[in-house]
């Protein structure tokens, strides 16, 4: 079973899309997550985990026409959308620069 999990993990790809107009940087950033967004992320995370576990336990090969796989991808895209809609918290350095510019 482990060999199957290892082989499917390499073929399982989810397209990563970032909302248009978003600034994407390679530095880690924190986001201010509202209680509503946090609740949505929690529910989506549980749904993704449940469907992914079902896919793995069924042992079916992952293919592009698998409805459960499409559902996982859709939930993951919604999860990213909710997360990227949360505002970025400026770093201490950015706050200090803004304060000094005043």
PDB file of N, CA and C in Angstrom:
ATOM      1  N   UNK A   1       0.814  -1.188   0.000  1.00  0.00           N
ATOM      2  CA  UNK A   1       0.000   0.000   0.000  1.00  0.00           C
ATOM      3  C   UNK A   1       0.860   1.255   0.000  1.00  0.00           C
ATOM      4  N   UNK A   2       2.004   1.227   0.701  1.00  0.00           N
ATOM      5  CA  UNK A   2       2.877   2.387   0.735  1.00  0.00           C
ATOM      6  C   UNK A   2       3.454   2.697  -0.627  1.00  0.00           C
ATOM      7  N   UNK A   3       3.763   1.665  -1.408  1.00  0.00           N
ATOM      8  CA  UNK A   3       4.315   1.916  -2.739  1.00  0.00           C
ATOM      9  C   UNK A   3       3.278   2.584  -3.625  1.00  0.00           C
ATOM     10  N   UNK A   4       2.004   2.223  -3.443  1.00  0.00           N
ATOM     11  CA  UNK A   4       0.955   2.846  -4.238  1.00  0.00           C
ATOM     12  C   UNK A   4       0.787   4.309  -3.836  1.00  0.00           C
ATOM     13  N   UNK A   5       0.841   4.597  -2.542  1.00  0.00           N
ATOM     14  CA  UNK A   5       0.702   5.973  -2.074  1.00  0.00           C
ATOM     15  C   UNK A   5       1.848   6.824  -2.599  1.00  0.00           C
ATOM     16  N   UNK A   6       3.043   6.254  -2.626  1.00  0.00           N
ATOM     17  CA  UNK A   6       4.188   7.009  -3.121  1.00  0.00           C
ATOM     18  C   UNK A   6       4.052   7.278  -4.609  1.00  0.00           C
ATOM     19  N   UNK A   7       3.544   6.318  -5.364  1.00  0.00           N
ATOM     20  CA  UNK A   7       3.437   6.526  -6.807  1.00  0.00           C
ATOM     21  C   UNK A   7       2.312   7.487  -7.153  1.00  0.00           C
ATOM     22  N   UNK A   8       1.222   7.473  -6.384  1.00  0.00           N
ATOM     23  CA  UNK A   8       0.135   8.393  -6.691  1.00  0.00           C
ATOM     24  C   UNK A   8       0.457   9.798  -6.230  1.00  0.00           C
ATOM     25  N   UNK A   9       1.284   9.936  -5.206  1.00  0.00           N
ATOM     26  CA  UNK A   9       1.617  11.273  -4.716  1.00  0.00           C
ATOM     27  C   UNK A   9       2.377  12.066  -5.769  1.00  0.00           C
ATOM     28  N   UNK A  10       3.191  11.412  -6.563  1.00  0.00           N
ATOM     29  CA  UNK A  10       3.949  12.138  -7.571  1.00  0.00           C
ATOM     30  C   UNK A  10       3.089  12.530  -8.760  1.00  0.00           C
ATOM     31  N   UNK A  11       2.011  11.795  -9.022  1.00  0.00           N
ATOM     32  CA  UNK A  11       1.178  12.129 -10.171  1.00  0.00           C
ATOM     33  C   UNK A  11       0.009  13.037  -9.798  1.00  0.00           C
ATOM     34  N   UNK A  12      -0.187  13.275  -8.505  1.00  0.00           N
ATOM     35  CA  UNK A  12      -1.299  14.104  -8.045  1.00  0.00           C
ATOM     36  C   UNK A  12      -0.878  15.556  -8.094  1.00  0.00           C
ATOM     37  N   UNK A  13      -1.402  16.293  -9.059  1.00  0.00           N
ATOM     38  CA  UNK A  13      -1.045  17.697  -9.207  1.00  0.00           C
ATOM     39  C   UNK A  13      -2.298  18.547  -9.157  1.00  0.00           C
ATOM     40  N   UNK A  14      -2.216  19.598  -8.404  1.00  0.00           N
ATOM     41  CA  UNK A  14      -3.322  20.537  -8.313  1.00  0.00           C
ATOM     42  C   UNK A  14      -2.819  21.874  -8.841  1.00  0.00           C
ATOM     43  N   UNK A  15      -3.514  22.444  -9.826  1.00  0.00           N
ATOM     44  CA  UNK A  15      -3.059  23.727 -10.342  1.00  0.00           C
ATOM     45  C   UNK A  15      -3.210  24.800  -9.271  1.00  0.00           C
ATOM     46  N   UNK A  16      -2.164  25.587  -9.114  1.00  0.00           N
ATOM     47  CA  UNK A  16      -2.198  26.666  -8.143  1.00  0.00           C
ATOM     48  C   UNK A  16      -2.530  27.945  -8.889  1.00  0.00           C
ATOM     49  N   UNK A  17      -3.605  28.563  -8.492  1.00  0.00           N
ATOM     50  CA  UNK A  17      -3.954  29.832  -9.101  1.00  0.00           C
ATOM     51  C   UNK A  17      -4.056  30.880  -8.015  1.00  0.00           C
ATOM     52  N   UNK A  18      -3.585  32.062  -8.348  1.00  0.00           N
ATOM     53  CA  UNK A  18      -3.629  33.178  -7.425  1.00  0.00           C
ATOM     54  C   UNK A  18      -4.572  34.206  -8.029  1.00  0.00           C
ATOM     55  N   UNK A  19      -5.450  34.792  -7.215  1.00  0.00           N
ATOM     56  CA  UNK A  19      -6.380  35.778  -7.753  1.00  0.00           C
ATOM     57  C   UNK A  19      -5.646  36.892  -8.483  1.00  0.00           C
ATOM     58  N   UNK A  20      -6.234  37.362  -9.575  1.00  0.00           N
ATOM     59  CA  UNK A  20      -5.599  38.422 -10.351  1.00  0.00           C
ATOM     60  C   UNK A  20      -5.485  39.673  -9.492  1.00  0.00           C
ATOM     61  N   UNK A  21      -4.406  40.402  -9.705  1.00  0.00           N
ATOM     62  CA  UNK A  21      -4.173  41.605  -8.929  1.00  0.00           C
ATOM     63  C   UNK A  21      -3.491  41.339  -7.598  1.00  0.00           C
ATOM     64  N   UNK A  22      -3.220  40.085  -7.284  1.00  0.00           N
ATOM     65  CA  UNK A  22      -2.551  39.758  -6.028  1.00  0.00           C
ATOM     66  C   UNK A  22      -1.054  39.872  -6.205  1.00  0.00           C
ATOM     67  N   UNK A  23      -0.427  40.411  -5.190  1.00  0.00           N
ATOM     68  CA  UNK A  23       1.027  40.476  -5.201  1.00  0.00           C
ATOM     69  C   UNK A  23       1.539  39.173  -4.607  1.00  0.00           C
ATOM     70  N   UNK A  24       2.308  38.449  -5.387  1.00  0.00           N
ATOM     71  CA  UNK A  24       2.846  37.174  -4.918  1.00  0.00           C
ATOM     72  C   UNK A  24       4.330  37.371  -4.668  1.00  0.00           C
ATOM     73  N   UNK A  25       4.757  37.055  -3.462  1.00  0.00           N
ATOM     74  CA  UNK A  25       6.174  37.150  -3.149  1.00  0.00           C
ATOM     75  C   UNK A  25       6.624  35.818  -2.574  1.00  0.00           C
ATOM     76  N   UNK A  26       7.919  35.609  -2.609  1.00  0.00           N
ATOM     77  CA  UNK A  26       8.456  34.361  -2.092  1.00  0.00           C
ATOM     78  C   UNK A  26       8.695  34.428  -0.596  1.00  0.00           C
ATOM     79  N   UNK A  27       8.640  35.610  -0.011  1.00  0.00           N
ATOM     80  CA  UNK A  27       8.836  35.724   1.429  1.00  0.00           C
ATOM     81  C   UNK A  27       7.568  35.294   2.144  1.00  0.00           C
ATOM     82  N   UNK A  28       7.734  34.679   3.283  1.00  0.00           N
ATOM     83  CA  UNK A  28       6.538  34.288   4.028  1.00  0.00           C
ATOM     84  C   UNK A  28       5.809  35.530   4.536  1.00  0.00           C
ATOM     85  N   UNK A  29       4.502  35.470   4.510  1.00  0.00           N
ATOM     86  CA  UNK A  29       3.726  36.594   5.002  1.00  0.00           C
ATOM     87  C   UNK A  29       2.590  36.070   5.860  1.00  0.00           C
ATOM     88  N   UNK A  30       2.143  36.932   6.743  1.00  0.00           N
ATOM     89  CA  UNK A  30       1.017  36.591   7.596  1.00  0.00           C
ATOM     90  C   UNK A  30      -0.210  37.295   7.051  1.00  0.00           C
ATOM     91  N   UNK A  31      -1.345  36.682   7.271  1.00  0.00           N
ATOM     92  CA  UNK A  31      -2.607  37.269   6.829  1.00  0.00           C
ATOM     93  C   UNK A  31      -3.527  37.431   8.030  1.00  0.00           C
ATOM     94  N   UNK A  32      -4.320  38.490   7.978  1.00  0.00           N
ATOM     95  CA  UNK A  32      -5.311  38.720   9.026  1.00  0.00           C
ATOM     96  C   UNK A  32      -6.569  37.965   8.638  1.00  0.00           C
ATOM     97  N   UNK A  33      -6.822  36.866   9.321  1.00  0.00           N
ATOM     98  CA  UNK A  33      -7.940  35.989   8.988  1.00  0.00           C
ATOM     99  C   UNK A  33      -9.098  36.299   9.930  1.00  0.00           C
ATOM    100  N   UNK A  34     -10.210  36.707   9.339  1.00  0.00           N
ATOM    101  CA  UNK A  34     -11.399  37.027  10.120  1.00  0.00           C
ATOM    102  C   UNK A  34     -11.997  35.737  10.680  1.00  0.00           C
ATOM    103  N   UNK A  35     -12.831  35.853  11.706  1.00  0.00           N
ATOM    104  CA  UNK A  35     -13.477  34.642  12.226  1.00  0.00           C
ATOM    105  C   UNK A  35     -14.286  33.905  11.153  1.00  0.00           C
ATOM    106  N   UNK A  36     -14.949  34.644  10.260  1.00  0.00           N
ATOM    107  CA  UNK A  36     -15.726  34.003   9.200  1.00  0.00           C
ATOM    108  C   UNK A  36     -14.809  33.252   8.229  1.00  0.00           C
ATOM    109  N   UNK A  37     -13.706  33.888   7.847  1.00  0.00           N
ATOM    110  CA  UNK A  37     -12.762  33.229   6.945  1.00  0.00           C
ATOM    111  C   UNK A  37     -12.122  32.025   7.633  1.00  0.00           C
ATOM    112  N   UNK A  38     -11.801  32.168   8.910  1.00  0.00           N
ATOM    113  CA  UNK A  38     -11.222  31.054   9.660  1.00  0.00           C
ATOM    114  C   UNK A  38     -12.167  29.867   9.724  1.00  0.00           C
ATOM    115  N   UNK A  39     -13.450  30.153   9.932  1.00  0.00           N
ATOM    116  CA  UNK A  39     -14.447  29.087   9.967  1.00  0.00           C
ATOM    117  C   UNK A  39     -14.553  28.407   8.602  1.00  0.00           C
ATOM    118  N   UNK A  40     -14.564  29.217   7.537  1.00  0.00           N
ATOM    119  CA  UNK A  40     -14.636  28.660   6.174  1.00  0.00           C
ATOM    120  C   UNK A  40     -13.407  27.798   5.876  1.00  0.00           C
ATOM    121  N   UNK A  41     -12.216  28.283   6.263  1.00  0.00           N
ATOM    122  CA  UNK A  41     -10.988  27.517   6.033  1.00  0.00           C
ATOM    123  C   UNK A  41     -11.003  26.202   6.808  1.00  0.00           C
ATOM    124  N   UNK A  42     -11.535  26.239   8.020  1.00  0.00           N
ATOM    125  CA  UNK A  42     -11.613  25.025   8.829  1.00  0.00           C
ATOM    126  C   UNK A  42     -12.545  24.004   8.179  1.00  0.00           C
ATOM    127  N   UNK A  43     -13.719  24.450   7.750  1.00  0.00           N
ATOM    128  CA  UNK A  43     -14.705  23.547   7.119  1.00  0.00           C
ATOM    129  C   UNK A  43     -14.138  22.988   5.808  1.00  0.00           C
ATOM    130  N   UNK A  44     -13.544  23.866   4.986  1.00  0.00           N
ATOM    131  CA  UNK A  44     -12.963  23.407   3.720  1.00  0.00           C
ATOM    132  C   UNK A  44     -11.831  22.422   3.974  1.00  0.00           C
ATOM    133  N   UNK A  45     -11.000  22.701   4.965  1.00  0.00           N
ATOM    134  CA  UNK A  45      -9.893  21.797   5.294  1.00  0.00           C
ATOM    135  C   UNK A  45     -10.387  20.414   5.690  1.00  0.00           C
ATOM    136  N   UNK A  46     -11.437  20.371   6.500  1.00  0.00           N
ATOM    137  CA  UNK A  46     -11.992  19.075   6.900  1.00  0.00           C
ATOM    138  C   UNK A  46     -12.572  18.331   5.694  1.00  0.00           C
ATOM    139  N   UNK A  47     -13.262  19.062   4.819  1.00  0.00           N
ATOM    140  CA  UNK A  47     -13.848  18.430   3.634  1.00  0.00           C
ATOM    141  C   UNK A  47     -12.755  17.885   2.708  1.00  0.00           C
ATOM    142  N   UNK A  48     -11.702  18.661   2.521  1.00  0.00           N
ATOM    143  CA  UNK A  48     -10.584  18.228   1.672  1.00  0.00           C
ATOM    144  C   UNK A  48      -9.940  16.978   2.263  1.00  0.00           C
ATOM    145  N   UNK A  49      -9.697  17.017   3.565  1.00  0.00           N
ATOM    146  CA  UNK A  49      -9.073  15.869   4.229  1.00  0.00           C
ATOM    147  C   UNK A  49      -9.948  14.619   4.110  1.00  0.00           C
ATOM    148  N   UNK A  50     -11.247  14.774   4.302  1.00  0.00           N
ATOM    149  CA  UNK A  50     -12.160  13.641   4.222  1.00  0.00           C
ATOM    150  C   UNK A  50     -12.148  13.025   2.827  1.00  0.00           C
ATOM    151  N   UNK A  51     -12.289  13.869   1.787  1.00  0.00           N
ATOM    152  CA  UNK A  51     -12.310  13.347   0.414  1.00  0.00           C
ATOM    153  C   UNK A  51     -10.968  12.749   0.016  1.00  0.00           C
ATOM    154  N   UNK A  52      -9.872  13.364   0.441  1.00  0.00           N
ATOM    155  CA  UNK A  52      -8.544  12.822   0.124  1.00  0.00           C
ATOM    156  C   UNK A  52      -8.345  11.466   0.782  1.00  0.00           C
ATOM    157  N   UNK A  53      -8.790  11.343   2.038  1.00  0.00           N
ATOM    158  CA  UNK A  53      -8.692  10.045   2.721  1.00  0.00           C
ATOM    159  C   UNK A  53      -9.519   8.990   1.995  1.00  0.00           C
ATOM    160  N   UNK A  54     -10.715   9.358   1.558  1.00  0.00           N
ATOM    161  CA  UNK A  54     -11.564   8.422   0.813  1.00  0.00           C
ATOM    162  C   UNK A  54     -10.877   7.971  -0.472  1.00  0.00           C
ATOM    163  N   UNK A  55     -10.255   8.901  -1.184  1.00  0.00           N
ATOM    164  CA  UNK A  55      -9.545   8.549  -2.420  1.00  0.00           C
ATOM    165  C   UNK A  55      -8.431   7.554  -2.142  1.00  0.00           C
ATOM    166  N   UNK A  56      -7.675   7.807  -1.093  1.00  0.00           N
ATOM    167  CA  UNK A  56      -6.540   6.935  -0.781  1.00  0.00           C
ATOM    168  C   UNK A  56      -7.017   5.556  -0.344  1.00  0.00           C
ATOM    169  N   UNK A  57      -8.051   5.515   0.490  1.00  0.00           N
ATOM    170  CA  UNK A  57      -8.523   4.233   1.007  1.00  0.00           C
ATOM    171  C   UNK A  57      -9.227   3.397  -0.054  1.00  0.00           C
ATOM    172  N   UNK A  58      -9.776   4.034  -1.075  1.00  0.00           N
ATOM    173  CA  UNK A  58     -10.417   3.280  -2.151  1.00  0.00           C
ATOM    174  C   UNK A  58      -9.381   2.573  -3.005  1.00  0.00           C
ATOM    175  N   UNK A  59      -8.209   3.172  -3.101  1.00  0.00           N
ATOM    176  CA  UNK A  59      -7.141   2.547  -3.860  1.00  0.00           C
ATOM    177  C   UNK A  59      -7.313   2.650  -5.365  1.00  0.00           C
ATOM    178  N   UNK A  60      -8.238   3.485  -5.818  1.00  0.00           N
ATOM    179  CA  UNK A  60      -8.416   3.642  -7.258  1.00  0.00           C
ATOM    180  C   UNK A  60      -7.306   4.518  -7.815  1.00  0.00           C
ATOM    181  N   UNK A  61      -6.930   4.267  -9.064  1.00  0.00           N
ATOM    182  CA  UNK A  61      -5.917   5.139  -9.663  1.00  0.00           C
ATOM    183  C   UNK A  61      -6.479   6.552  -9.837  1.00  0.00           C
ATOM    184  N   UNK A  62      -5.625   7.531  -9.604  1.00  0.00           N
ATOM    185  CA  UNK A  62      -6.046   8.919  -9.760  1.00  0.00           C
ATOM    186  C   UNK A  62      -5.989   9.289 -11.233  1.00  0.00           C
ATOM    187  N   UNK A  63      -7.114   9.697 -11.770  1.00  0.00           N
ATOM    188  CA  UNK A  63      -7.153  10.112 -13.162  1.00  0.00           C
ATOM    189  C   UNK A  63      -7.907  11.424 -13.263  1.00  0.00           C
ATOM    190  N   UNK A  64      -7.739  12.108 -14.383  1.00  0.00           N
ATOM    191  CA  UNK A  64      -8.333  13.425 -14.581  1.00  0.00           C
ATOM    192  C   UNK A  64      -9.856  13.379 -14.570  1.00  0.00           C
ATOM    193  N   UNK A  65     -10.458  12.241 -14.910  1.00  0.00           N
ATOM    194  CA  UNK A  65     -11.919  12.169 -14.965  1.00  0.00           C
ATOM    195  C   UNK A  65     -12.547  11.649 -13.666  1.00  0.00           C
ATOM    196  N   UNK A  66     -11.763  11.514 -12.606  1.00  0.00           N
ATOM    197  CA  UNK A  66     -12.268  11.057 -11.319  1.00  0.00           C
ATOM    198  C   UNK A  66     -13.036  12.201 -10.652  1.00  0.00           C
ATOM    199  N   UNK A  67     -14.308  11.994 -10.387  1.00  0.00           N
ATOM    200  CA  UNK A  67     -15.155  13.031  -9.797  1.00  0.00           C
ATOM    201  C   UNK A  67     -14.716  13.450  -8.412  1.00  0.00           C
ATOM    202  N   UNK A  68     -14.263  12.486  -7.609  1.00  0.00           N
ATOM    203  CA  UNK A  68     -13.797  12.825  -6.260  1.00  0.00           C
ATOM    204  C   UNK A  68     -12.538  13.677  -6.315  1.00  0.00           C
ATOM    205  N   UNK A  69     -11.653  13.365  -7.242  1.00  0.00           N
ATOM    206  CA  UNK A  69     -10.443  14.160  -7.397  1.00  0.00           C
ATOM    207  C   UNK A  69     -10.794  15.582  -7.823  1.00  0.00           C
ATOM    208  N   UNK A  70     -11.743  15.721  -8.740  1.00  0.00           N
ATOM    209  CA  UNK A  70     -12.187  17.051  -9.159  1.00  0.00           C
ATOM    210  C   UNK A  70     -12.794  17.812  -7.989  1.00  0.00           C
ATOM    211  N   UNK A  71     -13.523  17.107  -7.130  1.00  0.00           N
ATOM    212  CA  UNK A  71     -14.119  17.748  -5.950  1.00  0.00           C
ATOM    213  C   UNK A  71     -13.030  18.247  -5.005  1.00  0.00           C
ATOM    214  N   UNK A  72     -11.987  17.443  -4.809  1.00  0.00           N
ATOM    215  CA  UNK A  72     -10.868  17.865  -3.957  1.00  0.00           C
ATOM    216  C   UNK A  72     -10.199  19.093  -4.550  1.00  0.00           C
ATOM    217  N   UNK A  73      -9.971  19.079  -5.853  1.00  0.00           N
ATOM    218  CA  UNK A  73      -9.340  20.222  -6.503  1.00  0.00           C
ATOM    219  C   UNK A  73     -10.201  21.481  -6.385  1.00  0.00           C
ATOM    220  N   UNK A  74     -11.508  21.329  -6.519  1.00  0.00           N
ATOM    221  CA  UNK A  74     -12.410  22.470  -6.392  1.00  0.00           C
ATOM    222  C   UNK A  74     -12.368  23.024  -4.967  1.00  0.00           C
ATOM    223  N   UNK A  75     -12.428  22.143  -3.980  1.00  0.00           N
ATOM    224  CA  UNK A  75     -12.369  22.588  -2.587  1.00  0.00           C
ATOM    225  C   UNK A  75     -11.032  23.262  -2.273  1.00  0.00           C
ATOM    226  N   UNK A  76      -9.944  22.738  -2.828  1.00  0.00           N
ATOM    227  CA  UNK A  76      -8.635  23.350  -2.608  1.00  0.00           C
ATOM    228  C   UNK A  76      -8.563  24.735  -3.242  1.00  0.00           C
ATOM    229  N   UNK A  77      -9.151  24.889  -4.418  1.00  0.00           N
ATOM    230  CA  UNK A  77      -9.181  26.204  -5.065  1.00  0.00           C
ATOM    231  C   UNK A  77     -10.002  27.193  -4.235  1.00  0.00           C
ATOM    232  N   UNK A  78     -11.133  26.744  -3.701  1.00  0.00           N
ATOM    233  CA  UNK A  78     -11.938  27.608  -2.838  1.00  0.00           C
ATOM    234  C   UNK A  78     -11.178  27.967  -1.564  1.00  0.00           C
ATOM    235  N   UNK A  79     -10.438  27.018  -1.020  1.00  0.00           N
ATOM    236  CA  UNK A  79      -9.632  27.262   0.167  1.00  0.00           C
ATOM    237  C   UNK A  79      -8.598  28.359  -0.108  1.00  0.00           C
ATOM    238  N   UNK A  80      -7.903  28.259  -1.242  1.00  0.00           N
ATOM    239  CA  UNK A  80      -6.923  29.288  -1.617  1.00  0.00           C
ATOM    240  C   UNK A  80      -7.602  30.633  -1.809  1.00  0.00           C
ATOM    241  N   UNK A  81      -8.781  30.630  -2.432  1.00  0.00           N
ATOM    242  CA  UNK A  81      -9.498  31.882  -2.685  1.00  0.00           C
ATOM    243  C   UNK A  81      -9.849  32.578  -1.370  1.00  0.00           C
ATOM    244  N   UNK A  82     -10.370  31.821  -0.417  1.00  0.00           N
ATOM    245  CA  UNK A  82     -10.710  32.404   0.886  1.00  0.00           C
ATOM    246  C   UNK A  82      -9.451  32.943   1.556  1.00  0.00           C
ATOM    247  N   UNK A  83      -8.366  32.177   1.513  1.00  0.00           N
ATOM    248  CA  UNK A  83      -7.123  32.592   2.160  1.00  0.00           C
ATOM    249  C   UNK A  83      -6.549  33.858   1.518  1.00  0.00           C
ATOM    250  N   UNK A  84      -6.493  33.904   0.185  1.00  0.00           N
ATOM    251  CA  UNK A  84      -5.902  35.058  -0.491  1.00  0.00           C
ATOM    252  C   UNK A  84      -6.763  36.305  -0.398  1.00  0.00           C
ATOM    253  N   UNK A  85      -8.039  36.173  -0.053  1.00  0.00           N
ATOM    254  CA  UNK A  85      -8.884  37.345   0.148  1.00  0.00           C
ATOM    255  C   UNK A  85      -8.632  38.003   1.501  1.00  0.00           C
ATOM    256  N   UNK A  86      -7.944  37.316   2.394  1.00  0.00           N
ATOM    257  CA  UNK A  86      -7.609  37.897   3.696  1.00  0.00           C
ATOM    258  C   UNK A  86      -6.436  38.861   3.512  1.00  0.00           C
ATOM    259  N   UNK A  87      -6.506  40.036   4.160  1.00  0.00           N
ATOM    260  CA  UNK A  87      -5.436  41.028   3.968  1.00  0.00           C
ATOM    261  C   UNK A  87      -4.118  40.581   4.596  1.00  0.00           C
ATOM    262  N   UNK A  88      -3.025  40.993   3.963  1.00  0.00           N
ATOM    263  CA  UNK A  88      -1.678  40.688   4.460  1.00  0.00           C
ATOM    264  C   UNK A  88      -1.364  41.623   5.622  1.00  0.00           C
ATOM    265  N   UNK A  89      -0.806  41.070   6.677  1.00  0.00           N
ATOM    266  CA  UNK A  89      -0.371  41.862   7.825  1.00  0.00           C
ATOM    267  C   UNK A  89       1.040  42.355   7.524  1.00  0.00           C
ATOM    268  N   UNK A  90       1.256  43.675   7.561  1.00  0.00           N
ATOM    269  CA  UNK A  90       2.605  44.180   7.275  1.00  0.00           C
ATOM    270  C   UNK A  90       3.605  43.717   8.340  1.00  0.00           C
ATOM    271  N   UNK A  91       4.835  43.521   7.907  1.00  0.00           N
ATOM    272  CA  UNK A  91       5.892  43.122   8.842  1.00  0.00           C
ATOM    273  C   UNK A  91       6.277  44.329   9.699  1.00  0.00           C
ATOM    274  N   UNK A  92       7.050  44.054  10.750  1.00  0.00           N
ATOM    275  CA  UNK A  92       7.527  45.152  11.590  1.00  0.00           C
ATOM    276  C   UNK A  92       8.356  46.128  10.772  1.00  0.00           C
ATOM    277  N   UNK A  93       9.178  45.629   9.887  1.00  0.00           N
ATOM    278  CA  UNK A  93      10.027  46.500   9.059  1.00  0.00           C
ATOM    279  C   UNK A  93       9.170  47.386   8.159  1.00  0.00           C
ATOM    280  N   UNK A  94       8.127  46.827   7.571  1.00  0.00           N
ATOM    281  CA  UNK A  94       7.242  47.619   6.715  1.00  0.00           C
ATOM    282  C   UNK A  94       6.500  48.681   7.529  1.00  0.00           C
ATOM    283  N   UNK A  95       6.080  48.324   8.723  1.00  0.00           N
ATOM    284  CA  UNK A  95       5.401  49.302   9.587  1.00  0.00           C
ATOM    285  C   UNK A  95       6.355  50.420   9.999  1.00  0.00           C
ATOM    286  N   UNK A  96       7.589  50.058  10.321  1.00  0.00           N
ATOM    287  CA  UNK A  96       8.580  51.051  10.711  1.00  0.00           C
ATOM    288  C   UNK A  96       8.891  51.990   9.554  1.00  0.00           C
ATOM    289  N   UNK A  97       9.065  51.458   8.353  1.00  0.00           N
ATOM    290  CA  UNK A  97       9.314  52.288   7.167  1.00  0.00           C
ATOM    291  C   UNK A  97       8.160  53.256   6.932  1.00  0.00           C
ATOM    292  N   UNK A  98       6.926  52.756   7.063  1.00  0.00           N
ATOM    293  CA  UNK A  98       5.753  53.611   6.867  1.00  0.00           C
ATOM    294  C   UNK A  98       5.720  54.709   7.920  1.00  0.00           C
ATOM    295  N   UNK A  99       6.070  54.394   9.142  1.00  0.00           N
ATOM    296  CA  UNK A  99       6.082  55.384  10.215  1.00  0.00           C
ATOM    297  C   UNK A  99       7.142  56.443   9.975  1.00  0.00           C
ATOM    298  N   UNK A 100       8.319  56.029   9.500  1.00  0.00           N
ATOM    299  CA  UNK A 100       9.415  56.964   9.252  1.00  0.00           C
ATOM    300  C   UNK A 100       9.139  57.845   8.028  1.00  0.00           C
ATOM    301  N   UNK A 101       8.342  57.378   7.084  1.00  0.00           N
ATOM    302  CA  UNK A 101       8.013  58.172   5.896  1.00  0.00           C
ATOM    303  C   UNK A 101       7.049  59.316   6.220  1.00  0.00           C
ATOM    304  N   UNK A 102       6.334  59.197   7.328  1.00  0.00           N
ATOM    305  CA  UNK A 102       5.351  60.240   7.669  1.00  0.00           C
ATOM    306  C   UNK A 102       5.972  61.526   8.027  1.00  0.00           C
TER     307      UNK A 102
END
